[in-house]
Amino acid sequence: MKHWLRNILILTLWLGNSLNLLICKGADRVIQPTGDVIAAEGDTVTLDCTFETSGTNPTLFWYKQDGNNSPKFILSRVQRDDGNTPDEVQERFSSTMDSTSNSVPLKIQKLQLSDSAVYYCANRKMSSI
């Protein structure tokens, strides 16, 4: 393998309406652009995710799946607060929910080869009583 190829990261957004991770029924869904994101080690990338929900307080999640492993939780975002980001990813992974555009992009900084994976965006609908 050529030397420069080892420094290329491929972050795959795997899509398919029937396979999006939805934890709700009805018209709720998440939408991720198709295709791969290719970047060099050390770069910063942003993975897009938009959502449609009938809930009043949606919670959005990002997961990472590499190799044959199960998806691993990266972070969550809630409309009314910051959500949850584990300490081990807080330095390089971030996201902010934009309720105006219904988006929750995932920003990954200082890319590492170990970031090459499939990234999933998921929605959980919560309604206020």
Protein backbone atom coordinates (compact mmCIF):
# COMPACT_ATOMS: atom_id res chain seq x y z
CA MET A 1 0.00 0.00 0.00
CA LYS A 2 1.31 3.45 -0.85
CA HIS A 3 2.35 5.59 2.10
CA TRP A 4 -0.17 8.37 1.46
CA LEU A 5 -3.05 5.89 1.41
CA ARG A 6 -2.40 4.96 5.03
CA ASN A 7 -3.13 8.55 6.04
CA ILE A 8 -6.50 8.71 4.34
CA LEU A 9 -9.54 8.21 6.50
CA ILE A 10 -12.82 7.08 5.12
CA LEU A 11 -15.80 7.92 7.27
CA THR A 12 -18.82 6.16 5.88
CA LEU A 13 -22.36 7.36 6.34
CA TRP A 14 -24.46 4.28 5.80
CA LEU A 15 -28.00 5.02 4.80
CA GLY A 16 -31.24 3.53 3.77
CA ASN A 17 -34.66 4.67 4.87
CA SER A 18 -35.57 1.16 5.96
CA LEU A 19 -32.39 0.83 8.00
CA ASN A 20 -32.18 4.21 9.76
CA LEU A 21 -32.07 3.81 13.52
CA LEU A 22 -35.43 5.06 14.68
CA ILE A 23 -36.81 4.45 18.12
CA CYS A 24 -40.28 5.75 17.33
CA LYS A 25 -43.24 5.33 15.00
CA GLY A 26 -45.04 7.65 12.63
CA ALA A 27 -43.45 10.31 10.47
CA ASP A 28 -40.31 10.63 12.61
CA ARG A 29 -37.05 9.97 10.79
CA VAL A 30 -33.41 10.93 10.46
CA ILE A 31 -31.76 11.78 7.16
CA GLN A 32 -28.04 11.39 6.48
CA PRO A 33 -26.40 12.14 3.12
CA THR A 34 -25.20 9.09 1.23
CA GLY A 35 -21.60 8.37 0.43
CA ASP A 36 -18.19 8.44 2.01
CA VAL A 37 -16.34 11.32 3.59
CA ILE A 38 -12.64 11.18 2.79
CA ALA A 39 -10.18 13.20 4.86
CA ALA A 40 -6.56 13.09 5.98
CA GLU A 41 -5.30 12.25 9.43
CA GLY A 42 -5.38 15.37 11.62
CA ASP A 43 -8.20 17.03 9.64
CA THR A 44 -11.62 18.06 10.94
CA VAL A 45 -14.82 16.73 9.35
CA THR A 46 -18.51 17.35 9.93
CA LEU A 47 -21.05 14.58 9.31
CA ASP A 48 -24.54 15.89 8.60
CA CYS A 49 -27.81 14.63 10.05
CA THR A 50 -31.24 16.21 9.80
CA PHE A 51 -34.39 14.96 11.45
CA GLU A 52 -38.15 15.17 11.24
CA THR A 53 -40.19 14.55 14.37
CA SER A 54 -43.65 15.12 15.75
CA GLY A 55 -42.25 15.04 19.30
CA THR A 56 -41.87 18.21 21.34
CA ASN A 57 -38.49 17.34 22.85
CA PRO A 58 -36.48 15.13 20.46
CA THR A 59 -33.27 13.40 21.50
CA LEU A 60 -30.70 12.66 18.79
CA PHE A 61 -27.87 10.15 19.12
CA TRP A 62 -24.66 9.49 17.22
CA TYR A 63 -23.14 5.98 17.07
CA LYS A 64 -19.91 4.67 15.56
CA GLN A 65 -19.54 1.14 14.18
CA ASP A 66 -16.14 -0.15 13.10
CA GLY A 67 -15.34 -3.55 11.67
CA ASN A 68 -17.68 -6.29 12.83
CA ASN A 69 -18.29 -4.64 16.20
CA SER A 70 -21.64 -3.43 17.51
CA PRO A 71 -22.43 0.29 17.20
CA LYS A 72 -20.85 2.31 20.03
CA PHE A 73 -22.55 5.35 21.57
CA ILE A 74 -20.69 8.61 20.87
CA LEU A 75 -23.02 11.34 22.11
CA SER A 76 -26.61 12.53 22.42
CA ARG A 77 -28.22 15.91 22.04
CA VAL A 78 -31.53 17.15 23.42
CA GLN A 79 -33.31 20.27 22.25
CA ARG A 80 -33.44 21.83 25.71
CA ASP A 81 -29.95 20.98 26.97
CA ASP A 82 -26.51 19.80 25.91
CA GLY A 83 -27.29 16.08 26.14
CA ASN A 84 -24.54 13.60 26.97
CA THR A 85 -20.97 13.26 25.71
CA PRO A 86 -18.75 10.67 27.42
CA ASP A 87 -15.41 11.97 28.68
CA GLU A 88 -13.37 9.72 26.36
CA VAL A 89 -14.76 11.41 23.22
CA GLN A 90 -15.43 14.92 24.52
CA GLU A 91 -12.13 16.37 23.31
CA ARG A 92 -12.56 15.47 19.62
CA PHE A 93 -16.28 14.76 19.03
CA SER A 94 -18.92 17.48 19.35
CA SER A 95 -22.41 18.35 18.19
CA THR A 96 -25.06 21.00 18.69
CA MET A 97 -28.75 20.54 17.96
CA ASP A 98 -30.17 23.27 15.74
CA SER A 99 -33.94 23.17 16.25
CA THR A 100 -34.50 25.78 13.52
CA SER A 101 -33.01 23.62 10.76
CA ASN A 102 -33.70 20.32 12.59
CA SER A 103 -30.07 19.28 12.30
CA VAL A 104 -27.52 17.72 14.61
CA PRO A 105 -24.17 17.56 12.74
CA LEU A 106 -21.31 15.56 14.26
CA LYS A 107 -17.94 17.35 14.22
CA ILE A 108 -14.81 15.19 14.56
CA GLN A 109 -11.52 17.02 15.11
CA LYS A 110 -7.93 15.80 14.89
CA LEU A 111 -8.91 12.75 12.83
CA GLN A 112 -7.18 9.48 13.63
CA LEU A 113 -7.05 6.28 11.61
CA SER A 114 -9.21 4.67 14.29
CA ASP A 115 -12.02 7.09 13.34
CA SER A 116 -12.58 5.18 10.09
CA ALA A 117 -16.03 3.67 10.63
CA VAL A 118 -19.72 3.81 9.84
CA TYR A 119 -21.49 6.62 11.73
CA TYR A 120 -25.21 6.47 12.51
CA CYS A 121 -27.55 9.25 13.57
CA ALA A 122 -30.66 8.13 15.49
CA ASN A 123 -33.77 9.83 16.90
CA ARG A 124 -35.86 9.21 20.00
CA LYS A 125 -39.12 11.11 20.23
CA MET A 126 -40.11 12.48 23.62
CA SER A 127 -43.26 14.49 24.20
CA SER A 128 -43.77 16.89 27.07
CA ILE A 129 -46.89 16.41 29.13
